[in-house]
PDB file of N, CA and C in Angstrom:
ATOM      1  N   MET A   1       0.844  -1.167   0.000  1.00  0.00           N
ATOM      2  CA  MET A   1       0.000   0.000   0.000  1.00  0.00           C
ATOM      3  C   MET A   1       0.897   1.241   0.000  1.00  0.00           C
ATOM      4  N   ARG A   2       0.602   2.137  -0.855  1.00  0.00           N
ATOM      5  CA  ARG A   2       1.374   3.372  -0.939  1.00  0.00           C
ATOM      6  C   ARG A   2       0.679   4.441  -0.103  1.00  0.00           C
ATOM      7  N   THR A   3       1.444   5.116   0.745  1.00  0.00           N
ATOM      8  CA  THR A   3       0.912   6.149   1.626  1.00  0.00           C
ATOM      9  C   THR A   3       1.894   7.303   1.701  1.00  0.00           C
ATOM     10  N   ASN A   4       1.385   8.504   1.656  1.00  0.00           N
ATOM     11  CA  ASN A   4       2.222   9.694   1.828  1.00  0.00           C
ATOM     12  C   ASN A   4       1.924  10.297   3.194  1.00  0.00           C
ATOM     13  N   ILE A   5       2.979  10.481   4.005  1.00  0.00           N
ATOM     14  CA  ILE A   5       2.806  11.052   5.338  1.00  0.00           C
ATOM     15  C   ILE A   5       3.929  12.042   5.630  1.00  0.00           C
ATOM     16  N   GLU A   6       3.634  12.980   6.498  1.00  0.00           N
ATOM     17  CA  GLU A   6       4.636  13.947   6.957  1.00  0.00           C
ATOM     18  C   GLU A   6       5.297  13.370   8.203  1.00  0.00           C
ATOM     19  N   LEU A   7       6.622  13.296   8.199  1.00  0.00           N
ATOM     20  CA  LEU A   7       7.365  12.757   9.332  1.00  0.00           C
ATOM     21  C   LEU A   7       8.374  13.777   9.834  1.00  0.00           C
ATOM     22  N   ASP A   8       8.687  13.701  11.105  1.00  0.00           N
ATOM     23  CA  ASP A   8       9.709  14.550  11.709  1.00  0.00           C
ATOM     24  C   ASP A   8      11.068  14.105  11.162  1.00  0.00           C
ATOM     25  N   ASP A   9      11.714  14.969  10.384  1.00  0.00           N
ATOM     26  CA  ASP A   9      12.982  14.618   9.740  1.00  0.00           C
ATOM     27  C   ASP A   9      14.080  14.285  10.749  1.00  0.00           C
ATOM     28  N   ILE A  10      14.139  15.030  11.835  1.00  0.00           N
ATOM     29  CA  ILE A  10      15.179  14.798  12.842  1.00  0.00           C
ATOM     30  C   ILE A  10      14.953  13.453  13.532  1.00  0.00           C
ATOM     31  N   LEU A  11      13.708  13.180  13.884  1.00  0.00           N
ATOM     32  CA  LEU A  11      13.380  11.907  14.522  1.00  0.00           C
ATOM     33  C   LEU A  11      13.655  10.737  13.579  1.00  0.00           C
ATOM     34  N   MET A  12      13.294  10.899  12.315  1.00  0.00           N
ATOM     35  CA  MET A  12      13.541   9.848  11.325  1.00  0.00           C
ATOM     36  C   MET A  12      15.037   9.595  11.175  1.00  0.00           C
ATOM     37  N   ALA A  13      15.824  10.650  11.080  1.00  0.00           N
ATOM     38  CA  ALA A  13      17.275  10.500  10.932  1.00  0.00           C
ATOM     39  C   ALA A  13      17.873   9.797  12.149  1.00  0.00           C
ATOM     40  N   GLU A  14      17.410  10.170  13.332  1.00  0.00           N
ATOM     41  CA  GLU A  14      17.918   9.537  14.557  1.00  0.00           C
ATOM     42  C   GLU A  14      17.550   8.054  14.595  1.00  0.00           C
ATOM     43  N   ALA A  15      16.317   7.744  14.246  1.00  0.00           N
ATOM     44  CA  ALA A  15      15.876   6.347  14.244  1.00  0.00           C
ATOM     45  C   ALA A  15      16.654   5.531  13.220  1.00  0.00           C
ATOM     46  N   MET A  16      16.878   6.089  12.047  1.00  0.00           N
ATOM     47  CA  MET A  16      17.626   5.377  11.009  1.00  0.00           C
ATOM     48  C   MET A  16      19.065   5.142  11.441  1.00  0.00           C
ATOM     49  N   GLU A  17      19.650   6.130  12.085  1.00  0.00           N
ATOM     50  CA  GLU A  17      21.028   5.980  12.568  1.00  0.00           C
ATOM     51  C   GLU A  17      21.103   4.897  13.649  1.00  0.00           C
ATOM     52  N   MET A  18      20.149   4.919  14.570  1.00  0.00           N
ATOM     53  CA  MET A  18      20.144   3.943  15.657  1.00  0.00           C
ATOM     54  C   MET A  18      19.899   2.526  15.149  1.00  0.00           C
ATOM     55  N   SER A  19      19.059   2.402  14.141  1.00  0.00           N
ATOM     56  CA  SER A  19      18.691   1.076  13.637  1.00  0.00           C
ATOM     57  C   SER A  19      19.661   0.541  12.594  1.00  0.00           C
ATOM     58  N   GLY A  20      20.386   1.450  11.966  1.00  0.00           N
ATOM     59  CA  GLY A  20      21.271   1.028  10.884  1.00  0.00           C
ATOM     60  C   GLY A  20      20.547   0.841   9.564  1.00  0.00           C
ATOM     61  N   LEU A  21      19.276   1.190   9.533  1.00  0.00           N
ATOM     62  CA  LEU A  21      18.507   1.069   8.294  1.00  0.00           C
ATOM     63  C   LEU A  21      18.826   2.243   7.376  1.00  0.00           C
ATOM     64  N   SER A  22      18.745   1.994   6.069  1.00  0.00           N
ATOM     65  CA  SER A  22      19.188   3.024   5.127  1.00  0.00           C
ATOM     66  C   SER A  22      18.057   3.708   4.374  1.00  0.00           C
ATOM     67  N   THR A  23      16.815   3.244   4.541  1.00  0.00           N
ATOM     68  CA  THR A  23      15.704   3.906   3.848  1.00  0.00           C
ATOM     69  C   THR A  23      14.591   4.240   4.834  1.00  0.00           C
ATOM     70  N   LYS A  24      13.852   5.290   4.511  1.00  0.00           N
ATOM     71  CA  LYS A  24      12.715   5.672   5.350  1.00  0.00           C
ATOM     72  C   LYS A  24      11.653   4.581   5.340  1.00  0.00           C
ATOM     73  N   LYS A  25      11.449   3.974   4.182  1.00  0.00           N
ATOM     74  CA  LYS A  25      10.463   2.901   4.075  1.00  0.00           C
ATOM     75  C   LYS A  25      10.804   1.755   5.027  1.00  0.00           C
ATOM     76  N   ALA A  26      12.062   1.350   5.043  1.00  0.00           N
ATOM     77  CA  ALA A  26      12.491   0.269   5.933  1.00  0.00           C
ATOM     78  C   ALA A  26      12.328   0.674   7.395  1.00  0.00           C
ATOM     79  N   MET A  27      12.604   1.933   7.703  1.00  0.00           N
ATOM     80  CA  MET A  27      12.491   2.409   9.074  1.00  0.00           C
ATOM     81  C   MET A  27      11.041   2.412   9.525  1.00  0.00           C
ATOM     82  N   VAL A  28      10.139   2.886   8.675  1.00  0.00           N
ATOM     83  CA  VAL A  28       8.719   2.901   9.024  1.00  0.00           C
ATOM     84  C   VAL A  28       8.216   1.470   9.208  1.00  0.00           C
ATOM     85  N   GLN A  29       8.608   0.567   8.321  1.00  0.00           N
ATOM     86  CA  GLN A  29       8.211  -0.837   8.435  1.00  0.00           C
ATOM     87  C   GLN A  29       8.712  -1.430   9.754  1.00  0.00           C
ATOM     88  N   CYS A  30       9.962  -1.168  10.081  1.00  0.00           N
ATOM     89  CA  CYS A  30      10.560  -1.663  11.325  1.00  0.00           C
ATOM     90  C   CYS A  30       9.813  -1.105  12.535  1.00  0.00           C
ATOM     91  N   ALA A  31       9.505   0.182  12.511  1.00  0.00           N
ATOM     92  CA  ALA A  31       8.808   0.816  13.631  1.00  0.00           C
ATOM     93  C   ALA A  31       7.415   0.225  13.811  1.00  0.00           C
ATOM     94  N   LEU A  32       6.714  -0.027  12.712  1.00  0.00           N
ATOM     95  CA  LEU A  32       5.383  -0.624  12.805  1.00  0.00           C
ATOM     96  C   LEU A  32       5.451  -2.039  13.369  1.00  0.00           C
ATOM     97  N   GLU A  33       6.408  -2.823  12.903  1.00  0.00           N
ATOM     98  CA  GLU A  33       6.568  -4.186  13.409  1.00  0.00           C
ATOM     99  C   GLU A  33       6.903  -4.182  14.894  1.00  0.00           C
ATOM    100  N   GLU A  34       7.771  -3.271  15.298  1.00  0.00           N
ATOM    101  CA  GLU A  34       8.162  -3.169  16.709  1.00  0.00           C
ATOM    102  C   GLU A  34       6.973  -2.754  17.572  1.00  0.00           C
ATOM    103  N   TYR A  35       6.175  -1.814  17.082  1.00  0.00           N
ATOM    104  CA  TYR A  35       4.995  -1.363  17.812  1.00  0.00           C
ATOM    105  C   TYR A  35       4.021  -2.525  18.031  1.00  0.00           C
ATOM    106  N   VAL A  36       3.749  -3.279  16.968  1.00  0.00           N
ATOM    107  CA  VAL A  36       2.828  -4.410  17.065  1.00  0.00           C
ATOM    108  C   VAL A  36       3.376  -5.464  18.022  1.00  0.00           C
ATOM    109  N   ARG A  37       4.674  -5.752  17.953  1.00  0.00           N
ATOM    110  CA  ARG A  37       5.292  -6.740  18.839  1.00  0.00           C
ATOM    111  C   ARG A  37       5.143  -6.325  20.301  1.00  0.00           C
ATOM    112  N   ILE A  38       5.424  -5.068  20.593  1.00  0.00           N
ATOM    113  CA  ILE A  38       5.336  -4.571  21.967  1.00  0.00           C
ATOM    114  C   ILE A  38       3.893  -4.605  22.466  1.00  0.00           C
ATOM    115  N   ARG A  39       2.936  -4.203  21.629  1.00  0.00           N
ATOM    116  CA  ARG A  39       1.531  -4.227  22.042  1.00  0.00           C
ATOM    117  C   ARG A  39       1.062  -5.649  22.318  1.00  0.00           C
ATOM    118  N   ARG A  40       1.514  -6.604  21.494  1.00  0.00           N
ATOM    119  CA  ARG A  40       1.146  -8.003  21.730  1.00  0.00           C
ATOM    120  C   ARG A  40       1.722  -8.492  23.055  1.00  0.00           C
ATOM    121  N   GLN A  41       2.950  -8.086  23.372  1.00  0.00           N
ATOM    122  CA  GLN A  41       3.550  -8.464  24.655  1.00  0.00           C
ATOM    123  C   GLN A  41       2.739  -7.887  25.812  1.00  0.00           C
ATOM    124  N   HIS A  42       2.367  -6.618  25.704  1.00  0.00           N
ATOM    125  CA  HIS A  42       1.579  -5.974  26.759  1.00  0.00           C
ATOM    126  C   HIS A  42       0.236  -6.680  26.925  1.00  0.00           C
ATOM    127  N   ASP A  43      -0.398  -7.022  25.802  1.00  0.00           N
ATOM    128  CA  ASP A  43      -1.684  -7.719  25.873  1.00  0.00           C
ATOM    129  C   ASP A  43      -1.526  -9.078  26.547  1.00  0.00           C
ATOM    130  N   ALA A  44      -0.453  -9.798  26.238  1.00  0.00           N
ATOM    131  CA  ALA A  44      -0.208 -11.110  26.846  1.00  0.00           C
ATOM    132  C   ALA A  44       0.037 -10.968  28.345  1.00  0.00           C
ATOM    133  N   ILE A  45       0.803  -9.966  28.736  1.00  0.00           N
ATOM    134  CA  ILE A  45       1.070  -9.730  30.160  1.00  0.00           C
ATOM    135  C   ILE A  45      -0.222  -9.380  30.887  1.00  0.00           C
ATOM    136  N   ASP A  46      -1.044  -8.520  30.277  1.00  0.00           N
ATOM    137  CA  ASP A  46      -2.328  -8.165  30.888  1.00  0.00           C
ATOM    138  C   ASP A  46      -3.218  -9.394  31.049  1.00  0.00           C
ATOM    139  N   ALA A  47      -3.227 -10.274  30.052  1.00  0.00           N
ATOM    140  CA  ALA A  47      -4.032 -11.499  30.140  1.00  0.00           C
ATOM    141  C   ALA A  47      -3.548 -12.377  31.290  1.00  0.00           C
ATOM    142  N   LEU A  48      -2.239 -12.487  31.456  1.00  0.00           N
ATOM    143  CA  LEU A  48      -1.697 -13.272  32.567  1.00  0.00           C
ATOM    144  C   LEU A  48      -2.072 -12.658  33.909  1.00  0.00           C
ATOM    145  N   ARG A  49      -2.040 -11.345  33.995  1.00  0.00           N
ATOM    146  CA  ARG A  49      -2.408 -10.678  35.252  1.00  0.00           C
ATOM    147  C   ARG A  49      -3.866 -10.936  35.605  1.00  0.00           C
ATOM    148  N   ARG A  50      -4.733 -10.962  34.599  1.00  0.00           N
ATOM    149  CA  ARG A  50      -6.156 -11.190  34.853  1.00  0.00           C
ATOM    150  C   ARG A  50      -6.432 -12.621  35.311  1.00  0.00           C
ATOM    151  N   MET A  51      -5.513 -13.543  35.018  1.00  0.00           N
ATOM    152  CA  MET A  51      -5.701 -14.938  35.413  1.00  0.00           C
ATOM    153  C   MET A  51      -5.553 -15.114  36.921  1.00  0.00           C
ATOM    154  N   GLY A  52      -4.798 -14.250  37.546  1.00  0.00           N
ATOM    155  CA  GLY A  52      -4.566 -14.366  38.982  1.00  0.00           C
ATOM    156  C   GLY A  52      -3.532 -15.432  39.285  1.00  0.00           C
ATOM    157  N   TRP A  53      -3.131 -15.504  40.531  1.00  0.00           N
ATOM    158  CA  TRP A  53      -2.133 -16.480  40.951  1.00  0.00           C
ATOM    159  C   TRP A  53      -2.399 -16.848  42.394  1.00  0.00           C
ATOM    160  N   ASP A  54      -2.422 -18.146  42.681  1.00  0.00           N
ATOM    161  CA  ASP A  54      -2.712 -18.630  44.028  1.00  0.00           C
ATOM    162  C   ASP A  54      -1.481 -19.177  44.727  1.00  0.00           C
ATOM    163  N   GLY A  55      -0.314 -18.975  44.159  1.00  0.00           N
ATOM    164  CA  GLY A  55       0.909 -19.525  44.731  1.00  0.00           C
ATOM    165  C   GLY A  55       1.395 -18.759  45.950  1.00  0.00           C
ATOM    166  N   ASP A  56       2.399 -19.319  46.591  1.00  0.00           N
ATOM    167  CA  ASP A  56       3.033 -18.704  47.756  1.00  0.00           C
ATOM    168  C   ASP A  56       4.522 -18.578  47.464  1.00  0.00           C
ATOM    169  N   ILE A  57       4.966 -17.375  47.164  1.00  0.00           N
ATOM    170  CA  ILE A  57       6.358 -17.165  46.761  1.00  0.00           C
ATOM    171  C   ILE A  57       7.325 -17.555  47.872  1.00  0.00           C
ATOM    172  N   ASP A  58       6.964 -17.315  49.131  1.00  0.00           N
ATOM    173  CA  ASP A  58       7.855 -17.689  50.236  1.00  0.00           C
ATOM    174  C   ASP A  58       8.010 -19.207  50.314  1.00  0.00           C
ATOM    175  N   GLU A  59       6.919 -19.924  50.103  1.00  0.00           N
ATOM    176  CA  GLU A  59       6.993 -21.387  50.111  1.00  0.00           C
ATOM    177  C   GLU A  59       7.845 -21.884  48.940  1.00  0.00           C
ATOM    178  N   MET A  60       7.690 -21.267  47.801  1.00  0.00           N
ATOM    179  CA  MET A  60       8.491 -21.658  46.641  1.00  0.00           C
ATOM    180  C   MET A  60       9.970 -21.435  46.919  1.00  0.00           C
ATOM    181  N   ARG A  61      10.283 -20.347  47.580  1.00  0.00           N
ATOM    182  CA  ARG A  61      11.683 -20.061  47.898  1.00  0.00           C
ATOM    183  C   ARG A  61      12.234 -21.086  48.885  1.00  0.00           C
ATOM    184  N   ASP A  62      11.404 -21.503  49.852  1.00  0.00           N
ATOM    185  CA  ASP A  62      11.839 -22.509  50.826  1.00  0.00           C
ATOM    186  C   ASP A  62      12.093 -23.855  50.161  1.00  0.00           C
ATOM    187  N   ASP A  63      11.325 -24.161  49.120  1.00  0.00           N
ATOM    188  CA  ASP A  63      11.477 -25.439  48.419  1.00  0.00           C
ATOM    189  C   ASP A  63      12.690 -25.461  47.509  1.00  0.00           C
ATOM    190  N   TRP A  64      13.226 -24.321  47.166  1.00  0.00           N
ATOM    191  CA  TRP A  64      14.363 -24.248  46.244  1.00  0.00           C
ATOM    192  C   TRP A  64      15.612 -24.761  46.938  1.00  0.00           C
ATOM    193  N   SER A  65      16.381 -25.544  46.226  1.00  0.00           N
ATOM    194  CA  SER A  65      17.592 -26.116  46.803  1.00  0.00           C
ATOM    195  C   SER A  65      18.784 -25.811  45.914  1.00  0.00           C
ATOM    196  N   PRO A  66      19.827 -25.186  46.477  1.00  0.00           N
ATOM    197  CA  PRO A  66      21.014 -24.906  45.661  1.00  0.00           C
ATOM    198  C   PRO A  66      21.777 -26.166  45.297  1.00  0.00           C
ATOM    199  N   SER A  67      21.407 -27.297  45.894  1.00  0.00           N
ATOM    200  CA  SER A  67      22.125 -28.539  45.598  1.00  0.00           C
ATOM    201  C   SER A  67      21.622 -29.200  44.315  1.00  0.00           C
ATOM    202  N   VAL A  68      20.592 -28.629  43.708  1.00  0.00           N
ATOM    203  CA  VAL A  68      20.080 -29.196  42.462  1.00  0.00           C
ATOM    204  C   VAL A  68      21.155 -29.078  41.397  1.00  0.00           C
ATOM    205  N   ASP A  69      21.402 -30.159  40.680  1.00  0.00           N
ATOM    206  CA  ASP A  69      22.420 -30.164  39.631  1.00  0.00           C
ATOM    207  C   ASP A  69      21.814 -29.600  38.350  1.00  0.00           C
ATOM    208  N   TRP A  70      22.170 -28.362  38.034  1.00  0.00           N
ATOM    209  CA  TRP A  70      21.687 -27.706  36.823  1.00  0.00           C
ATOM    210  C   TRP A  70      22.683 -27.861  35.685  1.00  0.00           C
ATOM    211  N   GLY A  71      23.716 -28.654  35.879  1.00  0.00           N
ATOM    212  CA  GLY A  71      24.709 -28.852  34.833  1.00  0.00           C
ATOM    213  C   GLY A  71      25.661 -27.684  34.693  1.00  0.00           C
ATOM    214  N   VAL A  72      25.720 -26.845  35.710  1.00  0.00           N
ATOM    215  CA  VAL A  72      26.604 -25.682  35.691  1.00  0.00           C
ATOM    216  C   VAL A  72      27.705 -25.916  36.713  1.00  0.00           C
ATOM    217  N   GLU A  73      28.928 -25.740  36.274  1.00  0.00           N
ATOM    218  CA  GLU A  73      30.055 -25.955  37.175  1.00  0.00           C
ATOM    219  C   GLU A  73      30.811 -24.654  37.415  1.00  0.00           C
ATOM    220  N   ASN A  74      31.238 -24.448  38.635  1.00  0.00           N
ATOM    221  CA  ASN A  74      32.082 -23.306  39.007  1.00  0.00           C
ATOM    222  C   ASN A  74      31.474 -21.972  38.599  1.00  0.00           C
ATOM    223  N   GLY A  75      30.163 -21.852  38.706  1.00  0.00           N
ATOM    224  CA  GLY A  75      29.511 -20.588  38.419  1.00  0.00           C
ATOM    225  C   GLY A  75      29.528 -20.188  36.959  1.00  0.00           C
ATOM    226  N   LYS A  76      29.812 -21.123  36.077  1.00  0.00           N
ATOM    227  CA  LYS A  76      29.856 -20.797  34.642  1.00  0.00           C
ATOM    228  C   LYS A  76      28.582 -21.207  33.962  1.00  0.00           C
TER     229      LYS A  76
END
């Protein structure tokens, strides 16, 4: 779809420099994709919050054992 819009030249230049993109079209596409990705994340987080949680974080911490072998040696 072809669209003509007025954009802030300074903001566009800064975004292109930060992203490494070389065209305004690519920058606008990237910004739209990023916006949609972030909104989907926010929606997913909100959905999880609405589900509620019946756990006990203190009990979970008490059950945790540092002796569990996670396959990590010497803090690496």
